[in-house]
């Protein structure tokens, strides 16, 4: 999870694409359009921190519960998420996530 957060913060769209499971709802066949969308999000967002709350490791599946602290246009857009990853051909891919807004992102 830390590597994907860092990739967003560093505008490394290709890394996000490579580490997203094909069954993920945000997966796009049109990689150029997806890359453009990812870069726009990263460039318009200030990444202020990541807090890992729980990590559950398995042989082929893992989950990470975290809080991401973000701002866009001066507004808090932080959220918490439980992310699910699946190991495919020896690589961990982001398969799904249950996201909720943080109640008061500035309080953390």
PDB file of N, CA and C in Angstrom:
ATOM      1  N   UNK A   1       0.819  -1.191   0.000  1.00  0.00           N
ATOM      2  CA  UNK A   1       0.000   0.000   0.000  1.00  0.00           C
ATOM      3  C   UNK A   1       0.859   1.250   0.000  1.00  0.00           C
ATOM      4  N   UNK A   2       1.927   1.216   0.767  1.00  0.00           N
ATOM      5  CA  UNK A   2       2.812   2.385   0.813  1.00  0.00           C
ATOM      6  C   UNK A   2       3.370   2.706  -0.570  1.00  0.00           C
ATOM      7  N   UNK A   3       3.690   1.679  -1.331  1.00  0.00           N
ATOM      8  CA  UNK A   3       4.266   1.937  -2.657  1.00  0.00           C
ATOM      9  C   UNK A   3       3.241   2.577  -3.584  1.00  0.00           C
ATOM     10  N   UNK A   4       1.990   2.186  -3.487  1.00  0.00           N
ATOM     11  CA  UNK A   4       0.959   2.799  -4.343  1.00  0.00           C
ATOM     12  C   UNK A   4       0.681   4.237  -3.917  1.00  0.00           C
ATOM     13  N   UNK A   5       0.627   4.492  -2.607  1.00  0.00           N
ATOM     14  CA  UNK A   5       0.447   5.859  -2.115  1.00  0.00           C
ATOM     15  C   UNK A   5       1.596   6.734  -2.629  1.00  0.00           C
ATOM     16  N   UNK A   6       2.819   6.231  -2.502  1.00  0.00           N
ATOM     17  CA  UNK A   6       3.992   6.978  -2.984  1.00  0.00           C
ATOM     18  C   UNK A   6       3.925   7.202  -4.492  1.00  0.00           C
ATOM     19  N   UNK A   7       3.461   6.205  -5.217  1.00  0.00           N
ATOM     20  CA  UNK A   7       3.345   6.348  -6.673  1.00  0.00           C
ATOM     21  C   UNK A   7       2.352   7.448  -7.041  1.00  0.00           C
ATOM     22  N   UNK A   8       1.242   7.514  -6.325  1.00  0.00           N
ATOM     23  CA  UNK A   8       0.298   8.612  -6.561  1.00  0.00           C
ATOM     24  C   UNK A   8       0.961   9.948  -6.258  1.00  0.00           C
ATOM     25  N   UNK A   9       1.647  10.044  -5.128  1.00  0.00           N
ATOM     26  CA  UNK A   9       2.279  11.300  -4.718  1.00  0.00           C
ATOM     27  C   UNK A   9       3.369  11.733  -5.692  1.00  0.00           C
ATOM     28  N   UNK A  10       4.049  10.774  -6.316  1.00  0.00           N
ATOM     29  CA  UNK A  10       5.149  11.070  -7.232  1.00  0.00           C
ATOM     30  C   UNK A  10       4.731  11.064  -8.699  1.00  0.00           C
ATOM     31  N   UNK A  11       3.425  10.970  -8.952  1.00  0.00           N
ATOM     32  CA  UNK A  11       2.880  10.971 -10.327  1.00  0.00           C
ATOM     33  C   UNK A  11       3.415   9.804 -11.154  1.00  0.00           C
ATOM     34  N   UNK A  12       3.517   8.641 -10.556  1.00  0.00           N
ATOM     35  CA  UNK A  12       4.006   7.443 -11.245  1.00  0.00           C
ATOM     36  C   UNK A  12       2.817   6.601 -11.699  1.00  0.00           C
ATOM     37  N   UNK A  13       2.099   7.128 -12.671  1.00  0.00           N
ATOM     38  CA  UNK A  13       0.865   6.492 -13.138  1.00  0.00           C
ATOM     39  C   UNK A  13       1.101   5.072 -13.650  1.00  0.00           C
ATOM     40  N   UNK A  14       2.199   4.834 -14.324  1.00  0.00           N
ATOM     41  CA  UNK A  14       2.450   3.500 -14.862  1.00  0.00           C
ATOM     42  C   UNK A  14       2.564   2.454 -13.756  1.00  0.00           C
ATOM     43  N   UNK A  15       3.107   2.844 -12.607  1.00  0.00           N
ATOM     44  CA  UNK A  15       3.190   1.920 -11.483  1.00  0.00           C
ATOM     45  C   UNK A  15       1.793   1.583 -10.963  1.00  0.00           C
ATOM     46  N   UNK A  16       0.940   2.591 -10.857  1.00  0.00           N
ATOM     47  CA  UNK A  16      -0.436   2.355 -10.411  1.00  0.00           C
ATOM     48  C   UNK A  16      -1.124   1.395 -11.376  1.00  0.00           C
ATOM     49  N   UNK A  17      -0.956   1.611 -12.651  1.00  0.00           N
ATOM     50  CA  UNK A  17      -1.565   0.742 -13.667  1.00  0.00           C
ATOM     51  C   UNK A  17      -1.047  -0.689 -13.525  1.00  0.00           C
ATOM     52  N   UNK A  18       0.272  -0.845 -13.392  1.00  0.00           N
ATOM     53  CA  UNK A  18       0.879  -2.184 -13.296  1.00  0.00           C
ATOM     54  C   UNK A  18       0.467  -2.941 -12.035  1.00  0.00           C
ATOM     55  N   UNK A  19       0.114  -2.222 -10.978  1.00  0.00           N
ATOM     56  CA  UNK A  19      -0.203  -2.884  -9.705  1.00  0.00           C
ATOM     57  C   UNK A  19      -1.704  -2.939  -9.426  1.00  0.00           C
ATOM     58  N   UNK A  20      -2.517  -2.689 -10.436  1.00  0.00           N
ATOM     59  CA  UNK A  20      -3.968  -2.779 -10.297  1.00  0.00           C
ATOM     60  C   UNK A  20      -4.460  -4.081 -10.928  1.00  0.00           C
ATOM     61  N   UNK A  21      -5.234  -4.815 -10.182  1.00  0.00           N
ATOM     62  CA  UNK A  21      -5.781  -6.091 -10.648  1.00  0.00           C
ATOM     63  C   UNK A  21      -6.770  -5.829 -11.785  1.00  0.00           C
ATOM     64  N   UNK A  22      -6.770  -6.663 -12.826  1.00  0.00           N
ATOM     65  CA  UNK A  22      -7.712  -6.474 -13.942  1.00  0.00           C
ATOM     66  C   UNK A  22      -9.186  -6.522 -13.520  1.00  0.00           C
ATOM     67  N   UNK A  23      -9.488  -7.131 -12.380  1.00  0.00           N
ATOM     68  CA  UNK A  23     -10.874  -7.182 -11.900  1.00  0.00           C
ATOM     69  C   UNK A  23     -11.248  -5.964 -11.059  1.00  0.00           C
ATOM     70  N   UNK A  24     -10.312  -5.062 -10.809  1.00  0.00           N
ATOM     71  CA  UNK A  24     -10.599  -3.854 -10.040  1.00  0.00           C
ATOM     72  C   UNK A  24     -11.526  -2.959 -10.850  1.00  0.00           C
ATOM     73  N   UNK A  25     -12.483  -2.323 -10.182  1.00  0.00           N
ATOM     74  CA  UNK A  25     -13.469  -1.492 -10.885  1.00  0.00           C
ATOM     75  C   UNK A  25     -12.850  -0.288 -11.597  1.00  0.00           C
ATOM     76  N   UNK A  26     -11.678   0.168 -11.176  1.00  0.00           N
ATOM     77  CA  UNK A  26     -11.051   1.321 -11.840  1.00  0.00           C
ATOM     78  C   UNK A  26     -10.124   0.906 -12.988  1.00  0.00           C
ATOM     79  N   UNK A  27      -9.928  -0.405 -13.175  1.00  0.00           N
ATOM     80  CA  UNK A  27      -9.069  -0.883 -14.263  1.00  0.00           C
ATOM     81  C   UNK A  27      -9.646  -0.464 -15.612  1.00  0.00           C
ATOM     82  N   UNK A  28      -8.798   0.061 -16.475  1.00  0.00           N
ATOM     83  CA  UNK A  28      -9.237   0.496 -17.807  1.00  0.00           C
ATOM     84  C   UNK A  28      -8.384  -0.145 -18.889  1.00  0.00           C
ATOM     85  N   UNK A  29      -9.012  -0.577 -19.953  1.00  0.00           N
ATOM     86  CA  UNK A  29      -8.278  -1.126 -21.095  1.00  0.00           C
ATOM     87  C   UNK A  29      -7.514  -0.028 -21.830  1.00  0.00           C
ATOM     88  N   UNK A  30      -8.103   1.169 -21.872  1.00  0.00           N
ATOM     89  CA  UNK A  30      -7.461   2.304 -22.536  1.00  0.00           C
ATOM     90  C   UNK A  30      -6.420   2.891 -21.583  1.00  0.00           C
ATOM     91  N   UNK A  31      -5.187   2.379 -21.672  1.00  0.00           N
ATOM     92  CA  UNK A  31      -4.130   2.775 -20.739  1.00  0.00           C
ATOM     93  C   UNK A  31      -3.763   4.251 -20.870  1.00  0.00           C
ATOM     94  N   UNK A  32      -3.823   4.803 -22.059  1.00  0.00           N
ATOM     95  CA  UNK A  32      -3.476   6.219 -22.244  1.00  0.00           C
ATOM     96  C   UNK A  32      -4.463   7.118 -21.504  1.00  0.00           C
ATOM     97  N   UNK A  33      -5.748   6.828 -21.622  1.00  0.00           N
ATOM     98  CA  UNK A  33      -6.764   7.624 -20.925  1.00  0.00           C
ATOM     99  C   UNK A  33      -6.658   7.436 -19.415  1.00  0.00           C
ATOM    100  N   UNK A  34      -6.405   6.217 -18.985  1.00  0.00           N
ATOM    101  CA  UNK A  34      -6.250   5.922 -17.567  1.00  0.00           C
ATOM    102  C   UNK A  34      -5.044   6.669 -16.994  1.00  0.00           C
ATOM    103  N   UNK A  35      -3.928   6.608 -17.707  1.00  0.00           N
ATOM    104  CA  UNK A  35      -2.708   7.306 -17.295  1.00  0.00           C
ATOM    105  C   UNK A  35      -2.969   8.805 -17.153  1.00  0.00           C
ATOM    106  N   UNK A  36      -3.673   9.377 -18.119  1.00  0.00           N
ATOM    107  CA  UNK A  36      -3.979  10.810 -18.089  1.00  0.00           C
ATOM    108  C   UNK A  36      -4.826  11.152 -16.862  1.00  0.00           C
ATOM    109  N   UNK A  37      -5.809  10.329 -16.568  1.00  0.00           N
ATOM    110  CA  UNK A  37      -6.676  10.540 -15.408  1.00  0.00           C
ATOM    111  C   UNK A  37      -5.890  10.442 -14.098  1.00  0.00           C
ATOM    112  N   UNK A  38      -5.023   9.440 -13.998  1.00  0.00           N
ATOM    113  CA  UNK A  38      -4.201   9.273 -12.804  1.00  0.00           C
ATOM    114  C   UNK A  38      -3.261  10.463 -12.602  1.00  0.00           C
ATOM    115  N   UNK A  39      -2.638  10.906 -13.676  1.00  0.00           N
ATOM    116  CA  UNK A  39      -1.721  12.046 -13.576  1.00  0.00           C
ATOM    117  C   UNK A  39      -2.456  13.314 -13.160  1.00  0.00           C
ATOM    118  N   UNK A  40      -3.650  13.518 -13.706  1.00  0.00           N
ATOM    119  CA  UNK A  40      -4.437  14.699 -13.335  1.00  0.00           C
ATOM    120  C   UNK A  40      -4.752  14.673 -11.843  1.00  0.00           C
ATOM    121  N   UNK A  41      -5.191  13.525 -11.347  1.00  0.00           N
ATOM    122  CA  UNK A  41      -5.487  13.398  -9.919  1.00  0.00           C
ATOM    123  C   UNK A  41      -4.238  13.686  -9.086  1.00  0.00           C
ATOM    124  N   UNK A  42      -3.134  13.066  -9.437  1.00  0.00           N
ATOM    125  CA  UNK A  42      -1.897  13.240  -8.663  1.00  0.00           C
ATOM    126  C   UNK A  42      -1.409  14.679  -8.673  1.00  0.00           C
ATOM    127  N   UNK A  43      -1.499  15.333  -9.814  1.00  0.00           N
ATOM    128  CA  UNK A  43      -1.016  16.705  -9.925  1.00  0.00           C
ATOM    129  C   UNK A  43      -1.904  17.697  -9.182  1.00  0.00           C
ATOM    130  N   UNK A  44      -3.173  17.368  -9.008  1.00  0.00           N
ATOM    131  CA  UNK A  44      -4.113  18.269  -8.339  1.00  0.00           C
ATOM    132  C   UNK A  44      -4.260  17.975  -6.840  1.00  0.00           C
ATOM    133  N   UNK A  45      -3.518  16.998  -6.362  1.00  0.00           N
ATOM    134  CA  UNK A  45      -3.679  16.546  -4.983  1.00  0.00           C
ATOM    135  C   UNK A  45      -2.398  16.770  -4.191  1.00  0.00           C
ATOM    136  N   UNK A  46      -2.569  17.215  -2.952  1.00  0.00           N
ATOM    137  CA  UNK A  46      -1.440  17.317  -2.033  1.00  0.00           C
ATOM    138  C   UNK A  46      -1.523  16.113  -1.099  1.00  0.00           C
ATOM    139  N   UNK A  47      -0.497  15.297  -1.097  1.00  0.00           N
ATOM    140  CA  UNK A  47      -0.441  14.071  -0.308  1.00  0.00           C
ATOM    141  C   UNK A  47       0.261  14.383   1.007  1.00  0.00           C
ATOM    142  N   UNK A  48      -0.504  14.365   2.093  1.00  0.00           N
ATOM    143  CA  UNK A  48       0.008  14.827   3.374  1.00  0.00           C
ATOM    144  C   UNK A  48       0.375  13.717   4.352  1.00  0.00           C
ATOM    145  N   UNK A  49       0.001  12.500   4.055  1.00  0.00           N
ATOM    146  CA  UNK A  49       0.388  11.415   4.947  1.00  0.00           C
ATOM    147  C   UNK A  49      -0.430  10.161   4.753  1.00  0.00           C
ATOM    148  N   UNK A  50       0.147   9.074   5.236  1.00  0.00           N
ATOM    149  CA  UNK A  50      -0.492   7.761   5.168  1.00  0.00           C
ATOM    150  C   UNK A  50      -0.288   7.091   6.517  1.00  0.00           C
ATOM    151  N   UNK A  51      -1.359   6.557   7.072  1.00  0.00           N
ATOM    152  CA  UNK A  51      -1.264   5.832   8.335  1.00  0.00           C
ATOM    153  C   UNK A  51      -1.826   4.439   8.128  1.00  0.00           C
ATOM    154  N   UNK A  52      -0.994   3.427   8.334  1.00  0.00           N
ATOM    155  CA  UNK A  52      -1.429   2.038   8.230  1.00  0.00           C
ATOM    156  C   UNK A  52      -2.006   1.634   9.583  1.00  0.00           C
ATOM    157  N   UNK A  53      -3.256   1.197   9.588  1.00  0.00           N
ATOM    158  CA  UNK A  53      -3.917   0.798  10.825  1.00  0.00           C
ATOM    159  C   UNK A  53      -3.881  -0.716  11.041  1.00  0.00           C
ATOM    160  N   UNK A  54      -3.914  -1.480   9.960  1.00  0.00           N
ATOM    161  CA  UNK A  54      -3.900  -2.934  10.087  1.00  0.00           C
ATOM    162  C   UNK A  54      -3.391  -3.550   8.788  1.00  0.00           C
ATOM    163  N   UNK A  55      -2.624  -4.621   8.932  1.00  0.00           N
ATOM    164  CA  UNK A  55      -2.121  -5.359   7.783  1.00  0.00           C
ATOM    165  C   UNK A  55      -2.325  -6.838   8.063  1.00  0.00           C
ATOM    166  N   UNK A  56      -3.016  -7.517   7.154  1.00  0.00           N
ATOM    167  CA  UNK A  56      -3.252  -8.953   7.287  1.00  0.00           C
ATOM    168  C   UNK A  56      -2.644  -9.619   6.062  1.00  0.00           C
ATOM    169  N   UNK A  57      -1.623 -10.430   6.294  1.00  0.00           N
ATOM    170  CA  UNK A  57      -0.867 -11.046   5.210  1.00  0.00           C
ATOM    171  C   UNK A  57      -1.287 -12.498   5.037  1.00  0.00           C
ATOM    172  N   UNK A  58      -1.401 -12.889   3.790  1.00  0.00           N
ATOM    173  CA  UNK A  58      -1.695 -14.283   3.463  1.00  0.00           C
ATOM    174  C   UNK A  58      -0.805 -14.713   2.318  1.00  0.00           C
ATOM    175  N   UNK A  59      -0.906 -15.963   1.960  1.00  0.00           N
ATOM    176  CA  UNK A  59      -0.057 -16.479   0.883  1.00  0.00           C
ATOM    177  C   UNK A  59      -0.448 -15.889  -0.474  1.00  0.00           C
ATOM    178  N   UNK A  60      -1.753 -15.809  -0.755  1.00  0.00           N
ATOM    179  CA  UNK A  60      -2.213 -15.293  -2.041  1.00  0.00           C
ATOM    180  C   UNK A  60      -3.114 -14.077  -1.919  1.00  0.00           C
ATOM    181  N   UNK A  61      -3.569 -13.773  -0.705  1.00  0.00           N
ATOM    182  CA  UNK A  61      -4.440 -12.620  -0.465  1.00  0.00           C
ATOM    183  C   UNK A  61      -3.950 -11.871   0.762  1.00  0.00           C
ATOM    184  N   UNK A  62      -4.105 -10.563   0.730  1.00  0.00           N
ATOM    185  CA  UNK A  62      -3.724  -9.725   1.864  1.00  0.00           C
ATOM    186  C   UNK A  62      -4.672  -8.538   1.910  1.00  0.00           C
ATOM    187  N   UNK A  63      -4.743  -7.925   3.082  1.00  0.00           N
ATOM    188  CA  UNK A  63      -5.535  -6.705   3.201  1.00  0.00           C
ATOM    189  C   UNK A  63      -4.767  -5.683   4.030  1.00  0.00           C
ATOM    190  N   UNK A  64      -5.036  -4.422   3.733  1.00  0.00           N
ATOM    191  CA  UNK A  64      -4.417  -3.312   4.444  1.00  0.00           C
ATOM    192  C   UNK A  64      -5.517  -2.309   4.757  1.00  0.00           C
ATOM    193  N   UNK A  65      -5.625  -1.932   6.022  1.00  0.00           N
ATOM    194  CA  UNK A  65      -6.548  -0.877   6.419  1.00  0.00           C
ATOM    195  C   UNK A  65      -5.697   0.341   6.727  1.00  0.00           C
ATOM    196  N   UNK A  66      -6.052   1.470   6.116  1.00  0.00           N
ATOM    197  CA  UNK A  66      -5.221   2.655   6.238  1.00  0.00           C
ATOM    198  C   UNK A  66      -6.056   3.921   6.210  1.00  0.00           C
ATOM    199  N   UNK A  67      -5.404   5.016   6.550  1.00  0.00           N
ATOM    200  CA  UNK A  67      -5.970   6.351   6.407  1.00  0.00           C
ATOM    201  C   UNK A  67      -5.013   7.164   5.542  1.00  0.00           C
ATOM    202  N   UNK A  68      -5.553   7.800   4.514  1.00  0.00           N
ATOM    203  CA  UNK A  68      -4.764   8.659   3.632  1.00  0.00           C
ATOM    204  C   UNK A  68      -5.207  10.100   3.860  1.00  0.00           C
ATOM    205  N   UNK A  69      -4.230  10.980   4.031  1.00  0.00           N
ATOM    206  CA  UNK A  69      -4.503  12.389   4.300  1.00  0.00           C
ATOM    207  C   UNK A  69      -4.150  13.184   3.056  1.00  0.00           C
ATOM    208  N   UNK A  70      -5.176  13.717   2.400  1.00  0.00           N
ATOM    209  CA  UNK A  70      -5.023  14.382   1.110  1.00  0.00           C
ATOM    210  C   UNK A  70      -5.770  15.707   1.107  1.00  0.00           C
ATOM    211  N   UNK A  71      -5.309  16.611   0.245  1.00  0.00           N
ATOM    212  CA  UNK A  71      -6.031  17.866   0.029  1.00  0.00           C
ATOM    213  C   UNK A  71      -6.050  18.170  -1.465  1.00  0.00           C
ATOM    214  N   UNK A  72      -7.173  18.747  -1.883  1.00  0.00           N
ATOM    215  CA  UNK A  72      -7.316  19.265  -3.245  1.00  0.00           C
ATOM    216  C   UNK A  72      -7.965  20.630  -3.124  1.00  0.00           C
ATOM    217  N   UNK A  73      -7.343  21.614  -3.742  1.00  0.00           N
ATOM    218  CA  UNK A  73      -7.899  22.960  -3.695  1.00  0.00           C
ATOM    219  C   UNK A  73      -8.103  23.457  -2.276  1.00  0.00           C
ATOM    220  N   UNK A  74      -7.234  23.064  -1.362  1.00  0.00           N
ATOM    221  CA  UNK A  74      -7.342  23.486   0.021  1.00  0.00           C
ATOM    222  C   UNK A  74      -8.358  22.719   0.842  1.00  0.00           C
ATOM    223  N   UNK A  75      -9.093  21.816   0.228  1.00  0.00           N
ATOM    224  CA  UNK A  75     -10.122  21.033   0.917  1.00  0.00           C
ATOM    225  C   UNK A  75      -9.581  19.656   1.309  1.00  0.00           C
ATOM    226  N   UNK A  76      -9.912  19.218   2.533  1.00  0.00           N
ATOM    227  CA  UNK A  76      -9.558  17.868   2.955  1.00  0.00           C
ATOM    228  C   UNK A  76     -10.359  16.859   2.148  1.00  0.00           C
ATOM    229  N   UNK A  77      -9.674  15.917   1.540  1.00  0.00           N
ATOM    230  CA  UNK A  77     -10.355  14.823   0.841  1.00  0.00           C
ATOM    231  C   UNK A  77      -9.837  13.479   1.352  1.00  0.00           C
ATOM    232  N   UNK A  78      -9.318  13.493   2.572  1.00  0.00           N
ATOM    233  CA  UNK A  78      -8.778  12.279   3.160  1.00  0.00           C
ATOM    234  C   UNK A  78      -9.846  11.196   3.270  1.00  0.00           C
ATOM    235  N   UNK A  79      -9.383   9.967   3.378  1.00  0.00           N
ATOM    236  CA  UNK A  79     -10.300   8.838   3.472  1.00  0.00           C
ATOM    237  C   UNK A  79      -9.619   7.678   4.186  1.00  0.00           C
ATOM    238  N   UNK A  80     -10.444   6.746   4.644  1.00  0.00           N
ATOM    239  CA  UNK A  80      -9.926   5.483   5.167  1.00  0.00           C
ATOM    240  C   UNK A  80     -10.377   4.389   4.208  1.00  0.00           C
ATOM    241  N   UNK A  81      -9.592   3.332   4.156  1.00  0.00           N
ATOM    242  CA  UNK A  81      -9.918   2.248   3.230  1.00  0.00           C
ATOM    243  C   UNK A  81      -9.388   0.931   3.757  1.00  0.00           C
ATOM    244  N   UNK A  82     -10.133  -0.116   3.485  1.00  0.00           N
ATOM    245  CA  UNK A  82      -9.631  -1.474   3.641  1.00  0.00           C
ATOM    246  C   UNK A  82      -9.405  -1.995   2.233  1.00  0.00           C
ATOM    247  N   UNK A  83      -8.139  -2.143   1.876  1.00  0.00           N
ATOM    248  CA  UNK A  83      -7.754  -2.580   0.535  1.00  0.00           C
ATOM    249  C   UNK A  83      -7.487  -4.076   0.533  1.00  0.00           C
ATOM    250  N   UNK A  84      -7.899  -4.726  -0.541  1.00  0.00           N
ATOM    251  CA  UNK A  84      -7.640  -6.150  -0.725  1.00  0.00           C
ATOM    252  C   UNK A  84      -6.695  -6.334  -1.897  1.00  0.00           C
ATOM    253  N   UNK A  85      -5.680  -7.151  -1.673  1.00  0.00           N
ATOM    254  CA  UNK A  85      -4.672  -7.432  -2.686  1.00  0.00           C
ATOM    255  C   UNK A  85      -4.651  -8.927  -2.973  1.00  0.00           C
ATOM    256  N   UNK A  86      -4.323  -9.262  -4.219  1.00  0.00           N
ATOM    257  CA  UNK A  86      -4.194 -10.658  -4.618  1.00  0.00           C
ATOM    258  C   UNK A  86      -2.849 -10.836  -5.305  1.00  0.00           C
ATOM    259  N   UNK A  87      -2.168 -11.922  -4.963  1.00  0.00           N
ATOM    260  CA  UNK A  87      -0.890 -12.212  -5.601  1.00  0.00           C
ATOM    261  C   UNK A  87      -1.157 -12.952  -6.912  1.00  0.00           C
ATOM    262  N   UNK A  88      -0.696 -12.355  -8.010  1.00  0.00           N
ATOM    263  CA  UNK A  88      -0.875 -12.923  -9.342  1.00  0.00           C
ATOM    264  C   UNK A  88       0.502 -13.011  -9.993  1.00  0.00           C
ATOM    265  N   UNK A  89       0.889 -14.211 -10.390  1.00  0.00           N
ATOM    266  CA  UNK A  89       2.196 -14.431 -11.015  1.00  0.00           C
ATOM    267  C   UNK A  89       3.324 -13.822 -10.174  1.00  0.00           C
ATOM    268  N   UNK A  90       3.217 -13.994  -8.854  1.00  0.00           N
ATOM    269  CA  UNK A  90       4.265 -13.531  -7.954  1.00  0.00           C
ATOM    270  C   UNK A  90       4.246 -12.051  -7.609  1.00  0.00           C
ATOM    271  N   UNK A  91       3.231 -11.301  -8.086  1.00  0.00           N
ATOM    272  CA  UNK A  91       3.147  -9.860  -7.814  1.00  0.00           C
ATOM    273  C   UNK A  91       1.832  -9.533  -7.118  1.00  0.00           C
ATOM    274  N   UNK A  92       1.906  -8.639  -6.131  1.00  0.00           N
ATOM    275  CA  UNK A  92       0.704  -8.195  -5.434  1.00  0.00           C
ATOM    276  C   UNK A  92      -0.019  -7.151  -6.265  1.00  0.00           C
ATOM    277  N   UNK A  93      -1.316  -7.384  -6.501  1.00  0.00           N
ATOM    278  CA  UNK A  93      -2.147  -6.457  -7.268  1.00  0.00           C
ATOM    279  C   UNK A  93      -3.320  -5.984  -6.410  1.00  0.00           C
ATOM    280  N   UNK A  94      -3.624  -4.701  -6.522  1.00  0.00           N
ATOM    281  CA  UNK A  94      -4.736  -4.094  -5.794  1.00  0.00           C
ATOM    282  C   UNK A  94      -6.033  -4.547  -6.452  1.00  0.00           C
ATOM    283  N   UNK A  95      -6.823  -5.338  -5.714  1.00  0.00           N
ATOM    284  CA  UNK A  95      -8.035  -5.903  -6.295  1.00  0.00           C
ATOM    285  C   UNK A  95      -9.278  -5.078  -5.977  1.00  0.00           C
ATOM    286  N   UNK A  96      -9.414  -4.647  -4.732  1.00  0.00           N
ATOM    287  CA  UNK A  96     -10.615  -3.889  -4.360  1.00  0.00           C
ATOM    288  C   UNK A  96     -10.357  -3.118  -3.076  1.00  0.00           C
ATOM    289  N   UNK A  97     -11.284  -2.214  -2.796  1.00  0.00           N
ATOM    290  CA  UNK A  97     -11.166  -1.460  -1.556  1.00  0.00           C
ATOM    291  C   UNK A  97     -12.515  -0.915  -1.123  1.00  0.00           C
ATOM    292  N   UNK A  98     -12.718  -0.902   0.188  1.00  0.00           N
ATOM    293  CA  UNK A  98     -13.914  -0.309   0.772  1.00  0.00           C
ATOM    294  C   UNK A  98     -13.474   1.008   1.395  1.00  0.00           C
ATOM    295  N   UNK A  99     -13.948   2.123   0.821  1.00  0.00           N
ATOM    296  CA  UNK A  99     -13.480   3.452   1.194  1.00  0.00           C
ATOM    297  C   UNK A  99     -14.550   4.227   1.940  1.00  0.00           C
ATOM    298  N   UNK A 100     -14.099   4.978   2.950  1.00  0.00           N
ATOM    299  CA  UNK A 100     -14.983   5.877   3.687  1.00  0.00           C
ATOM    300  C   UNK A 100     -14.258   7.198   3.895  1.00  0.00           C
ATOM    301  N   UNK A 101     -14.968   8.314   3.839  1.00  0.00           N
ATOM    302  CA  UNK A 101     -14.329   9.608   4.136  1.00  0.00           C
ATOM    303  C   UNK A 101     -13.916   9.640   5.603  1.00  0.00           C
ATOM    304  N   UNK A 102     -12.856  10.352   5.892  1.00  0.00           N
ATOM    305  CA  UNK A 102     -12.461  10.552   7.284  1.00  0.00           C
ATOM    306  C   UNK A 102     -13.431  11.515   7.929  1.00  0.00           C
ATOM    307  N   UNK A 103     -13.812  11.286   9.175  1.00  0.00           N
ATOM    308  CA  UNK A 103     -14.765  12.175   9.819  1.00  0.00           C
ATOM    309  C   UNK A 103     -14.253  13.610   9.946  1.00  0.00           C
ATOM    310  N   UNK A 104     -12.985  13.770  10.267  1.00  0.00           N
ATOM    311  CA  UNK A 104     -12.384  15.097  10.372  1.00  0.00           C
ATOM    312  C   UNK A 104     -10.901  14.951  10.053  1.00  0.00           C
ATOM    313  N   UNK A 105     -10.533  14.940   8.765  1.00  0.00           N
ATOM    314  CA  UNK A 105      -9.157  14.656   8.374  1.00  0.00           C
ATOM    315  C   UNK A 105      -8.126  15.562   9.037  1.00  0.00           C
ATOM    316  N   UNK A 106      -8.471  16.789   9.361  1.00  0.00           N
ATOM    317  CA  UNK A 106      -7.514  17.712   9.957  1.00  0.00           C
ATOM    318  C   UNK A 106      -7.184  17.346  11.394  1.00  0.00           C
ATOM    319  N   UNK A 107      -8.002  16.526  12.011  1.00  0.00           N
ATOM    320  CA  UNK A 107      -7.805  16.183  13.415  1.00  0.00           C
ATOM    321  C   UNK A 107      -6.703  15.138  13.617  1.00  0.00           C
ATOM    322  N   UNK A 108      -6.234  14.521  12.550  1.00  0.00           N
ATOM    323  CA  UNK A 108      -5.239  13.446  12.698  1.00  0.00           C
ATOM    324  C   UNK A 108      -3.852  13.959  12.529  1.00  0.00           C
TER     325      UNK A 108
END
